[in-house]
Amino acid sequence: MIGGSENPQPAESLERGNPWFLLAIVLLAFALRAWNLHGEGFTADEVSEVLASHVPVVSMLLDEDDDQFPPLYRLALGLSVRLTGSDLTARWLSVLCGTAVIFVVWGAGAELLGKRDGWWPALLLATCPFHIHYSREGRAYAFFFFFCCLAIWAMLRLLRNGSVGNWCLLAAGSLAAIYTHYFAVPLLAAVWLISLLGVQNRDARLRGLIAALCVTIGTLPAFYLLRRAMLDFPVGKLVSTFDVEALGYTYMLLVSGFTLGPSMRELRTLSASEGIALFLPWIATVGCVLLVLSYYALQRLRSSRGLLPLLFLLLFLVPAIGWSGNLAGVGFVYRYVLWLAFPFVLWVAAGAACSKSSRLAMFATVALLLLNVIAVGNGYMNPRYQGEDFRATARYLTSQQKEPRPILVASPYMAQALRYYLPEDWEVDSFPIFSQLEEPREKRVAEFLASLDKGEPYWFLSQWLPKDDIRRQTRDAIRERLASEFITEVGMMEIYKAVR
């Protein structure tokens, strides 16, 4: 047959997993994560990560900081910074992890949907605003997501073939995920249980039990580090409780990525009813799109062995983690379940794959991609969704004064981030902002004032805080005592002027 095997038709090409199509999606993912990557300066959390990457390797291995994270990401970041000589590597490392995971998602999509439709999850993750957000941040979360995806991919493979290689893949992904973030544990417990129950024969299950034993032994040092980290858990640390609103917002983030509807800052100033009212048009739109795609996903996967495991990860694990976090006193943060984006794109991709035979599925898929485009575009260009930017804050301060002016910052953590961008000859002092730290706070403020001459001007800076934030009362008491005058807000930092 002329051109038979050498020039496959498009459908045949996709059936074989066309590498050029995969490359196009990977390049798209990279572009969306790398575009104007350093248009804003580091956040306080990113500065903390960067500074910690310069400590000795032994200190990283012993996890001697107080961030309650295991050491794997810090080791990778420290090595990257040393090799490149640039702190900007922190964000590039996340971009690379966020791009590399597309290969994993492609493989998992092929496992669940077949090679012909394996590109759908890859495309949907490449444009997922939630994942893009964390793939542009110089922290551990893109790393965390990558290894969680490896474990879930291995689980899907094990449902078909309980080979040694698949168990090794699951073990490697699990160990790396746990040494990146402790919140990998509940996800991995579910993944291992599903894998052990889902394998086809006794020999495969025995191999799984041996692999599970090896992983358990391998994670013992991590649990020792976790125990020590929890003993150092700072007094007064803010903890966000998990409730129905947090649950709904978590799923909304998979499409909105913090950049559809009210911004995070706006939501923190509104009541729950006001926030929902402003969000309602977007909730209705996203809800309709996902209902359609979920219907077709159920039709596509109803005979698949991956259906129930996928639904469990997608619907039941997040509430279990959230309410368990409330009971344990560690609260809930959306990024701790960042891995949710993986089963989500697998699920909606199963519905999107029905676009070939259903106009309704095609319409819903196009609508979802359009929502992704709007959310990503807002994140790039709409100042309404701007986050912390200590480089911008430092630039404003240095542009206002030819000579250095003393600065008092509400929170040592924020002062550290500001100091990172200011010239070395600028004096930056700070005080603890939590109410129970009254004695050290009073001491630090008194020492700062004593270091100034009478009539000497200085800056007073504070992170923007909503009215219901427990730190605001303490901050405001100091601000009023100093008789400071509000000047402006730059990069989420409120800037005040005061005179000794």
Protein backbone atom coordinates (compact mmCIF):
# COMPACT_ATOMS: atom_id res chain seq x y z
CA MET A 1 0.00 0.00 0.00
CA ILE A 2 1.47 3.34 -1.04
CA GLY A 3 2.50 5.41 1.98
CA GLY A 4 1.00 2.82 4.34
CA SER A 5 3.36 2.50 7.28
CA GLU A 6 5.70 5.33 6.41
CA ASN A 7 3.08 8.10 6.25
CA PRO A 8 0.42 7.34 8.82
CA GLN A 9 -2.81 9.29 8.84
CA PRO A 10 -3.31 11.73 11.76
CA ALA A 11 -5.42 9.29 13.77
CA GLU A 12 -2.79 6.56 13.30
CA SER A 13 -0.06 8.99 14.25
CA LEU A 14 -1.80 9.86 17.50
CA GLU A 15 -2.42 6.20 18.17
CA ARG A 16 1.33 5.69 18.12
CA GLY A 17 1.99 8.71 20.34
CA ASN A 18 3.36 11.18 17.77
CA PRO A 19 6.52 12.63 19.39
CA TRP A 20 6.14 15.92 17.52
CA PHE A 21 2.70 16.47 18.98
CA LEU A 22 4.04 15.70 22.45
CA LEU A 23 6.91 18.12 21.85
CA ALA A 24 4.45 20.87 20.86
CA ILE A 25 2.51 20.44 24.12
CA VAL A 26 5.72 20.39 26.15
CA LEU A 27 6.89 23.62 24.48
CA LEU A 28 3.50 25.19 25.19
CA ALA A 29 3.76 24.17 28.85
CA PHE A 30 7.27 25.61 29.07
CA ALA A 31 6.25 28.90 27.43
CA LEU A 32 3.28 29.40 29.76
CA ARG A 33 5.45 28.78 32.82
CA ALA A 34 8.53 30.72 31.72
CA TRP A 35 6.95 33.82 30.17
CA ASN A 36 8.11 36.96 32.04
CA LEU A 37 9.15 34.68 34.89
CA HIS A 38 10.94 37.38 36.84
CA GLY A 39 8.57 40.22 36.02
CA GLU A 40 7.84 40.39 39.76
CA GLY A 41 10.38 40.02 42.53
CA PHE A 42 10.53 37.18 45.03
CA THR A 43 7.89 36.76 47.71
CA ALA A 44 8.89 36.42 51.36
CA ASP A 45 8.60 32.64 51.11
CA GLU A 46 10.79 32.53 48.02
CA VAL A 47 13.44 34.69 49.67
CA SER A 48 13.44 32.33 52.63
CA GLU A 49 13.97 29.36 50.30
CA VAL A 50 16.77 31.11 48.41
CA LEU A 51 18.61 32.13 51.58
CA ALA A 52 18.29 28.63 53.00
CA SER A 53 19.77 27.17 49.80
CA HIS A 54 23.11 28.79 50.67
CA VAL A 55 23.60 26.94 53.95
CA PRO A 56 26.00 23.95 54.16
CA VAL A 57 24.74 20.66 52.71
CA VAL A 58 25.02 18.92 56.09
CA SER A 59 22.66 21.49 57.58
CA MET A 60 20.17 20.79 54.77
CA LEU A 61 20.37 17.04 55.33
CA LEU A 62 19.73 17.48 59.06
CA ASP A 63 16.87 19.87 58.25
CA GLU A 64 18.12 22.44 60.74
CA ASP A 65 15.83 25.23 59.57
CA ASP A 66 12.33 25.78 60.98
CA ASP A 67 10.21 25.54 57.82
CA GLN A 68 8.67 22.09 58.55
CA PHE A 69 9.69 20.80 55.11
CA PRO A 70 11.82 17.70 54.44
CA PRO A 71 15.21 18.38 52.82
CA LEU A 72 15.04 16.99 49.25
CA TYR A 73 13.90 20.17 47.51
CA ARG A 74 16.34 22.30 49.50
CA LEU A 75 19.19 20.01 48.43
CA ALA A 76 18.16 20.23 44.77
CA LEU A 77 17.82 24.01 44.98
CA GLY A 78 21.14 24.39 46.78
CA LEU A 79 22.91 22.34 44.13
CA SER A 80 21.23 24.30 41.33
CA VAL A 81 22.16 27.67 42.86
CA ARG A 82 25.76 26.56 43.35
CA LEU A 83 26.03 25.30 39.77
CA THR A 84 24.51 28.39 38.16
CA GLY A 85 25.68 31.01 40.64
CA SER A 86 22.26 32.68 40.54
CA ASP A 87 19.34 32.76 42.97
CA LEU A 88 17.01 33.12 39.97
CA THR A 89 17.53 29.39 39.51
CA ALA A 90 14.85 28.87 42.17
CA ARG A 91 12.04 29.73 39.78
CA TRP A 92 13.68 28.06 36.78
CA LEU A 93 13.87 24.80 38.73
CA SER A 94 10.10 24.97 39.25
CA VAL A 95 9.54 25.76 35.57
CA LEU A 96 11.56 22.72 34.54
CA CYS A 97 9.71 20.43 36.96
CA GLY A 98 6.38 21.86 35.87
CA THR A 99 7.30 21.19 32.24
CA ALA A 100 8.86 17.75 32.73
CA VAL A 101 5.72 16.45 34.40
CA ILE A 102 3.92 16.74 31.04
CA PHE A 103 5.73 13.55 29.98
CA VAL A 104 4.37 11.78 33.08
CA VAL A 105 0.85 13.04 32.44
CA TRP A 106 1.09 11.94 28.81
CA GLY A 107 2.08 8.45 29.97
CA ALA A 108 -0.72 8.30 32.53
CA GLY A 109 -3.21 9.52 29.93
CA ALA A 110 -2.12 6.81 27.54
CA GLU A 111 -2.48 4.26 30.35
CA LEU A 112 -6.01 5.39 31.20
CA LEU A 113 -7.37 6.45 27.80
CA GLY A 114 -5.11 4.73 25.30
CA LYS A 115 -2.28 6.21 23.25
CA ARG A 116 -4.65 7.85 20.81
CA ASP A 117 -6.13 10.09 23.53
CA GLY A 118 -3.16 10.26 25.91
CA TRP A 119 -2.40 13.80 24.76
CA TRP A 120 -5.60 15.23 26.23
CA PRO A 121 -4.46 15.21 29.90
CA ALA A 122 -1.09 16.61 28.82
CA LEU A 123 -2.73 19.53 27.02
CA LEU A 124 -5.10 20.26 29.89
CA LEU A 125 -2.30 20.23 32.47
CA ALA A 126 -0.09 22.37 30.21
CA THR A 127 -2.79 25.07 30.34
CA CYS A 128 -4.00 24.47 33.93
CA PRO A 129 -3.80 27.82 35.80
CA PHE A 130 -3.44 26.18 39.22
CA HIS A 131 -0.42 24.19 38.13
CA ILE A 132 1.08 27.09 36.17
CA HIS A 133 0.90 29.28 39.29
CA TYR A 134 3.01 26.88 41.35
CA SER A 135 5.32 26.07 38.44
CA ARG A 136 6.41 29.74 38.43
CA GLU A 137 7.09 29.95 42.16
CA GLY A 138 10.56 29.32 43.58
CA ARG A 139 9.40 26.84 46.18
CA ALA A 140 9.02 23.07 46.58
CA TYR A 141 5.54 22.64 45.12
CA ALA A 142 6.34 21.92 41.45
CA PHE A 143 8.86 19.36 42.74
CA PHE A 144 6.22 17.90 45.05
CA PHE A 145 3.68 17.68 42.23
CA PHE A 146 6.12 15.91 39.91
CA PHE A 147 6.82 13.07 42.33
CA CYS A 148 3.17 12.68 43.34
CA CYS A 149 2.33 12.32 39.65
CA LEU A 150 4.98 9.62 39.27
CA ALA A 151 3.32 7.68 42.09
CA ILE A 152 -0.20 8.04 40.63
CA TRP A 153 1.06 7.04 37.16
CA ALA A 154 2.69 3.96 38.69
CA MET A 155 -0.62 3.12 40.38
CA LEU A 156 -2.44 3.21 37.03
CA ARG A 157 0.24 1.01 35.48
CA LEU A 158 -0.01 -1.48 38.35
CA LEU A 159 -3.73 -1.89 37.81
CA ARG A 160 -2.76 -3.43 34.47
CA ASN A 161 0.61 -5.00 35.19
CA GLY A 162 2.09 -5.73 38.62
CA SER A 163 5.65 -5.91 37.32
CA VAL A 164 8.78 -5.23 39.36
CA GLY A 165 9.43 -2.12 37.26
CA ASN A 166 6.06 -0.61 38.08
CA TRP A 167 6.49 -1.28 41.80
CA CYS A 168 9.95 0.33 41.61
CA LEU A 169 8.43 3.37 39.90
CA LEU A 170 5.86 3.66 42.68
CA ALA A 171 8.51 3.25 45.37
CA ALA A 172 10.82 5.86 43.82
CA GLY A 173 8.03 8.40 43.35
CA SER A 174 6.80 7.80 46.90
CA LEU A 175 10.18 8.24 48.57
CA ALA A 176 10.96 11.39 46.59
CA ALA A 177 7.49 12.86 47.31
CA ILE A 178 7.76 12.20 51.06
CA TYR A 179 11.22 13.77 51.25
CA THR A 180 9.83 16.80 49.41
CA HIS A 181 6.65 17.39 51.43
CA TYR A 182 5.14 15.60 54.41
CA PHE A 183 1.62 16.08 53.03
CA ALA A 184 2.47 13.48 50.41
CA VAL A 185 1.86 10.78 53.05
CA PRO A 186 -1.98 10.64 52.95
CA LEU A 187 -2.00 10.62 49.14
CA LEU A 188 0.61 7.87 49.02
CA ALA A 189 -1.19 5.80 51.63
CA ALA A 190 -4.23 5.80 49.34
CA VAL A 191 -2.16 5.11 46.23
CA TRP A 192 -0.40 2.14 47.82
CA LEU A 193 -3.64 0.69 49.18
CA ILE A 194 -5.30 0.96 45.76
CA SER A 195 -2.25 -0.61 44.09
CA LEU A 196 -2.01 -3.54 46.48
CA LEU A 197 -5.72 -4.28 46.22
CA GLY A 198 -5.83 -3.77 42.47
CA VAL A 199 -2.99 -6.01 41.27
CA GLN A 200 -4.04 -9.15 39.45
CA ASN A 201 -2.24 -12.01 41.20
CA ARG A 202 -0.53 -13.17 44.37
CA ASP A 203 3.03 -12.80 43.04
CA ALA A 204 2.38 -9.19 42.05
CA ARG A 205 0.93 -8.48 45.48
CA LEU A 206 3.94 -10.05 47.18
CA ARG A 207 6.26 -7.84 45.14
CA GLY A 208 4.14 -4.89 46.23
CA LEU A 209 4.41 -5.81 49.90
CA ILE A 210 8.18 -6.06 49.61
CA ALA A 211 8.28 -2.66 47.85
CA ALA A 212 6.04 -1.17 50.57
CA LEU A 213 8.38 -2.51 53.26
CA CYS A 214 11.38 -0.94 51.51
CA VAL A 215 9.60 2.40 51.27
CA THR A 216 8.59 2.24 54.93
CA ILE A 217 12.20 1.65 55.97
CA GLY A 218 13.36 4.38 53.61
CA THR A 219 11.00 6.94 55.12
CA LEU A 220 11.98 6.39 58.75
CA PRO A 221 14.48 9.29 58.72
CA ALA A 222 11.77 11.53 57.26
CA PHE A 223 9.45 10.81 60.18
CA TYR A 224 12.27 11.53 62.60
CA LEU A 225 12.76 14.91 60.89
CA LEU A 226 9.01 15.53 60.98
CA ARG A 227 8.86 14.84 64.71
CA ARG A 228 11.64 17.33 65.34
CA ALA A 229 10.06 19.89 63.02
CA MET A 230 6.73 19.68 64.87
CA LEU A 231 8.51 20.21 68.20
CA ASP A 232 9.84 23.45 66.72
CA PHE A 233 6.43 24.47 65.38
CA PRO A 234 6.37 28.23 66.07
CA VAL A 235 4.01 29.60 68.70
CA GLY A 236 1.24 31.65 67.15
CA LYS A 237 1.61 30.23 63.67
CA LEU A 238 -1.41 31.05 61.55
CA VAL A 239 -3.48 27.99 60.73
CA SER A 240 -6.26 28.01 58.14
CA THR A 241 -9.13 25.72 59.06
CA PHE A 242 -10.80 23.49 56.51
CA ASP A 243 -14.53 23.86 55.88
CA VAL A 244 -17.07 23.53 53.07
CA GLU A 245 -16.03 26.89 51.61
CA ALA A 246 -12.38 25.82 51.54
CA LEU A 247 -13.40 22.55 49.87
CA GLY A 248 -15.35 24.32 47.14
CA TYR A 249 -12.63 26.90 46.58
CA THR A 250 -10.01 24.14 46.27
CA TYR A 251 -11.85 22.62 43.32
CA MET A 252 -12.55 26.03 41.81
CA LEU A 253 -8.80 26.77 41.90
CA LEU A 254 -8.16 23.95 39.44
CA VAL A 255 -9.70 26.14 36.76
CA SER A 256 -9.44 29.65 38.23
CA GLY A 257 -5.85 29.42 39.48
CA PHE A 258 -6.44 32.40 41.86
CA THR A 259 -7.13 34.67 38.86
CA LEU A 260 -10.84 34.34 38.02
CA GLY A 261 -13.38 36.33 40.00
CA PRO A 262 -12.34 38.06 43.24
CA SER A 263 -8.63 38.03 44.01
CA MET A 264 -7.32 36.32 47.14
CA ARG A 265 -6.92 39.73 48.73
CA GLU A 266 -10.51 40.70 47.92
CA LEU A 267 -11.83 37.42 49.29
CA ARG A 268 -10.03 38.04 52.58
CA THR A 269 -11.91 41.33 53.02
CA LEU A 270 -15.38 39.96 52.19
CA SER A 271 -17.86 37.84 54.07
CA ALA A 272 -18.47 34.34 52.76
CA SER A 273 -21.79 35.37 51.21
CA GLU A 274 -20.27 38.43 49.50
CA GLY A 275 -17.39 36.38 48.12
CA ILE A 276 -19.70 33.69 46.78
CA ALA A 277 -21.95 36.33 45.18
CA LEU A 278 -19.00 37.82 43.29
CA PHE A 279 -17.74 34.38 42.38
CA LEU A 280 -21.14 33.05 41.34
CA PRO A 281 -20.95 33.75 37.56
CA TRP A 282 -17.61 31.96 37.37
CA ILE A 283 -18.79 29.12 39.61
CA ALA A 284 -21.84 28.63 37.38
CA THR A 285 -19.75 28.67 34.20
CA VAL A 286 -17.10 26.30 35.52
CA GLY A 287 -19.76 24.07 37.07
CA CYS A 288 -21.65 23.66 33.80
CA VAL A 289 -18.47 22.89 31.87
CA LEU A 290 -17.32 20.30 34.40
CA LEU A 291 -20.75 18.67 34.63
CA VAL A 292 -20.76 18.09 30.88
CA LEU A 293 -17.20 16.76 30.83
CA SER A 294 -17.86 14.61 33.88
CA TYR A 295 -20.86 13.00 32.17
CA TYR A 296 -18.75 12.05 29.18
CA ALA A 297 -15.84 11.01 31.38
CA LEU A 298 -18.12 8.59 33.19
CA GLN A 299 -19.30 7.18 29.87
CA ARG A 300 -15.73 6.79 28.66
CA LEU A 301 -14.32 5.21 31.84
CA ARG A 302 -17.28 3.16 33.09
CA SER A 303 -15.62 -0.13 32.14
CA SER A 304 -12.10 0.99 33.12
CA ARG A 305 -10.35 -0.40 36.19
CA GLY A 306 -9.03 3.10 36.80
CA LEU A 307 -12.49 4.66 37.30
CA LEU A 308 -12.97 4.07 41.03
CA PRO A 309 -9.34 4.83 42.01
CA LEU A 310 -9.49 8.05 40.02
CA LEU A 311 -12.78 9.13 41.62
CA PHE A 312 -11.43 8.31 45.08
CA LEU A 313 -8.37 10.52 44.59
CA LEU A 314 -10.47 13.23 43.01
CA LEU A 315 -13.43 13.41 45.41
CA PHE A 316 -12.72 11.76 48.76
CA LEU A 317 -9.09 12.31 49.66
CA VAL A 318 -9.10 16.12 49.87
CA PRO A 319 -11.96 16.30 52.43
CA ALA A 320 -10.26 13.56 54.45
CA ILE A 321 -6.96 15.48 54.47
CA GLY A 322 -8.67 18.78 55.26
CA TRP A 323 -10.70 17.65 58.24
CA SER A 324 -7.85 15.51 59.55
CA GLY A 325 -5.68 18.62 59.41
CA ASN A 326 -8.22 20.45 61.55
CA LEU A 327 -8.11 17.67 64.14
CA ALA A 328 -4.30 17.56 64.11
CA GLY A 329 -4.02 21.34 64.48
CA VAL A 330 -2.01 21.85 61.28
CA GLY A 331 -4.90 23.30 59.27
CA PHE A 332 -5.25 23.22 55.51
CA VAL A 333 -3.51 25.05 52.68
CA TYR A 334 -4.53 24.66 49.02
CA ARG A 335 -1.00 24.00 47.80
CA TYR A 336 -0.74 20.95 50.08
CA VAL A 337 -3.13 19.17 47.72
CA LEU A 338 -1.62 20.55 44.52
CA TRP A 339 -1.45 16.94 43.28
CA LEU A 340 -5.27 17.16 42.87
CA ALA A 341 -4.63 18.79 39.49
CA PHE A 342 -3.38 15.43 38.17
CA PRO A 343 -6.51 13.28 38.74
CA PHE A 344 -8.54 16.33 37.72
CA VAL A 345 -6.96 16.63 34.28
CA LEU A 346 -7.17 12.86 33.80
CA TRP A 347 -10.88 13.00 34.58
CA VAL A 348 -11.82 15.97 32.39
CA ALA A 349 -9.53 14.65 29.63
CA ALA A 350 -11.64 11.49 29.54
CA GLY A 351 -14.63 13.71 28.81
CA ALA A 352 -12.73 15.89 26.35
CA ALA A 353 -11.67 12.80 24.42
CA CYS A 354 -15.33 12.34 23.50
CA SER A 355 -15.20 15.58 21.47
CA LYS A 356 -14.75 13.55 18.30
CA SER A 357 -18.24 12.08 18.64
CA SER A 358 -20.12 14.75 20.62
CA ARG A 359 -20.54 18.43 19.85
CA LEU A 360 -21.56 19.07 23.45
CA ALA A 361 -18.33 17.53 24.73
CA MET A 362 -16.39 19.56 22.17
CA PHE A 363 -18.13 22.78 23.26
CA ALA A 364 -17.37 22.07 26.94
CA THR A 365 -13.74 21.31 26.13
CA VAL A 366 -13.31 24.53 24.19
CA ALA A 367 -14.99 26.43 27.04
CA LEU A 368 -12.60 24.88 29.58
CA LEU A 369 -9.57 25.80 27.49
CA LEU A 370 -10.94 29.33 27.11
CA LEU A 371 -11.37 29.63 30.89
CA ASN A 372 -7.76 28.50 31.28
CA VAL A 373 -6.63 31.16 28.81
CA ILE A 374 -8.53 33.91 30.66
CA ALA A 375 -7.17 32.84 34.04
CA VAL A 376 -3.59 32.58 32.83
CA GLY A 377 -3.86 35.92 31.04
CA ASN A 378 -5.17 37.59 34.20
CA GLY A 379 -2.26 36.18 36.16
CA TYR A 380 0.21 37.66 33.69
CA MET A 381 -1.30 41.06 33.04
CA ASN A 382 -4.04 42.07 35.50
CA PRO A 383 -2.63 44.04 38.50
CA ARG A 384 -5.74 43.06 40.45
CA TYR A 385 -4.13 39.67 41.04
CA GLN A 386 -0.64 40.92 41.92
CA GLY A 387 1.07 39.19 44.82
CA GLU A 388 3.98 40.05 47.10
CA ASP A 389 6.89 41.75 45.36
CA PHE A 390 9.70 42.84 47.66
CA ARG A 391 11.85 43.95 44.76
CA ALA A 392 9.18 46.54 43.87
CA THR A 393 8.94 47.62 47.53
CA ALA A 394 12.71 48.06 47.79
CA ARG A 395 12.83 50.01 44.53
CA TYR A 396 10.18 52.41 45.76
CA LEU A 397 12.01 53.07 49.03
CA THR A 398 15.36 53.67 47.35
CA SER A 399 13.74 55.95 44.79
CA GLN A 400 12.32 58.18 47.54
CA GLN A 401 15.58 58.80 49.36
CA LYS A 402 19.09 59.56 48.10
CA GLU A 403 20.46 58.62 51.50
CA PRO A 404 19.49 55.46 53.42
CA ARG A 405 16.65 55.91 55.89
CA PRO A 406 16.11 53.48 58.80
CA ILE A 407 13.25 51.02 58.34
CA LEU A 408 11.14 49.24 60.94
CA VAL A 409 9.21 46.23 59.62
CA ALA A 410 6.31 44.46 61.31
CA SER A 411 7.60 40.84 61.15
CA PRO A 412 11.19 39.57 60.96
CA TYR A 413 10.12 37.30 58.10
CA MET A 414 9.07 40.28 55.97
CA ALA A 415 12.16 42.23 57.01
CA GLN A 416 14.36 39.41 55.77
CA ALA A 417 12.71 39.55 52.35
CA LEU A 418 12.99 43.34 52.13
CA ARG A 419 16.63 43.27 53.22
CA TYR A 420 17.36 40.83 50.40
CA TYR A 421 16.61 43.53 47.81
CA LEU A 422 17.83 46.67 49.61
CA PRO A 423 21.42 47.97 49.35
CA GLU A 424 23.66 46.76 52.17
CA ASP A 425 23.97 50.21 53.76
CA TRP A 426 20.23 50.40 54.51
CA GLU A 427 19.32 49.66 58.13
CA VAL A 428 16.36 47.30 58.50
CA ASP A 429 15.00 46.30 61.89
CA SER A 430 11.85 44.39 62.82
CA PHE A 431 9.64 43.17 65.63
CA PRO A 432 7.54 40.00 66.12
CA ILE A 433 3.93 40.65 65.26
CA PHE A 434 2.07 37.90 67.14
CA SER A 435 0.21 39.14 70.22
CA GLN A 436 1.73 36.62 72.64
CA LEU A 437 5.26 37.88 71.91
CA GLU A 438 4.71 41.18 73.70
CA GLU A 439 7.97 41.28 75.66
CA PRO A 440 10.36 40.72 72.71
CA ARG A 441 8.24 43.05 70.57
CA GLU A 442 8.45 45.90 73.06
CA LYS A 443 12.18 45.34 73.44
CA ARG A 444 12.84 45.41 69.67
CA VAL A 445 10.77 48.57 69.11
CA ALA A 446 12.47 50.34 72.02
CA GLU A 447 15.93 49.39 70.75
CA PHE A 448 15.09 50.64 67.26
CA LEU A 449 13.83 54.00 68.54
CA ALA A 450 16.84 54.35 70.82
CA SER A 451 19.14 54.00 67.81
CA LEU A 452 17.60 57.10 66.17
CA ASP A 453 18.27 60.76 66.78
CA LYS A 454 15.41 62.93 67.88
CA GLY A 455 13.57 64.26 64.84
CA GLU A 456 15.10 61.63 62.55
CA PRO A 457 12.64 60.31 59.91
CA TYR A 458 12.21 56.61 59.25
CA TRP A 459 9.97 54.17 57.35
CA PHE A 460 7.50 51.83 58.99
CA LEU A 461 6.45 48.87 56.81
CA SER A 462 3.88 46.15 57.22
CA GLN A 463 2.47 43.37 55.12
CA TRP A 464 -1.09 44.12 54.04
CA LEU A 465 -3.42 42.51 56.58
CA PRO A 466 -7.23 42.08 56.41
CA LYS A 467 -9.34 43.36 59.29
CA ASP A 468 -9.96 39.91 60.75
CA ASP A 469 -6.27 38.92 60.80
CA ILE A 470 -5.14 38.22 64.37
CA ARG A 471 -1.88 40.08 63.72
CA ARG A 472 -3.52 43.33 62.68
CA GLN A 473 -4.43 44.52 66.16
CA THR A 474 -0.83 44.19 67.30
CA ARG A 475 0.48 45.90 64.19
CA ASP A 476 -1.99 48.77 64.50
CA ALA A 477 -1.13 49.35 68.15
CA ILE A 478 2.54 49.85 67.25
CA ARG A 479 1.68 51.96 64.21
CA GLU A 480 -0.51 54.31 66.25
CA ARG A 481 2.09 54.61 68.98
CA LEU A 482 4.67 55.63 66.41
CA ALA A 483 2.25 58.20 64.93
CA SER A 484 3.12 56.91 61.47
CA GLU A 485 1.50 58.34 58.34
CA PHE A 486 0.35 56.05 55.55
CA ILE A 487 2.07 56.84 52.24
CA THR A 488 1.30 54.07 49.77
CA GLU A 489 1.22 50.34 49.16
CA VAL A 490 3.74 48.63 46.91
CA GLY A 491 4.06 44.90 46.31
CA MET A 492 1.50 44.05 49.03
CA MET A 493 3.52 46.04 51.61
CA GLU A 494 1.98 49.07 53.32
CA ILE A 495 4.49 51.90 53.61
CA TYR A 496 4.25 54.49 56.40
CA LYS A 497 6.44 57.48 57.25
CA ALA A 498 7.28 58.42 60.85
CA VAL A 499 9.62 60.69 62.78
CA ARG A 500 11.47 59.86 66.00
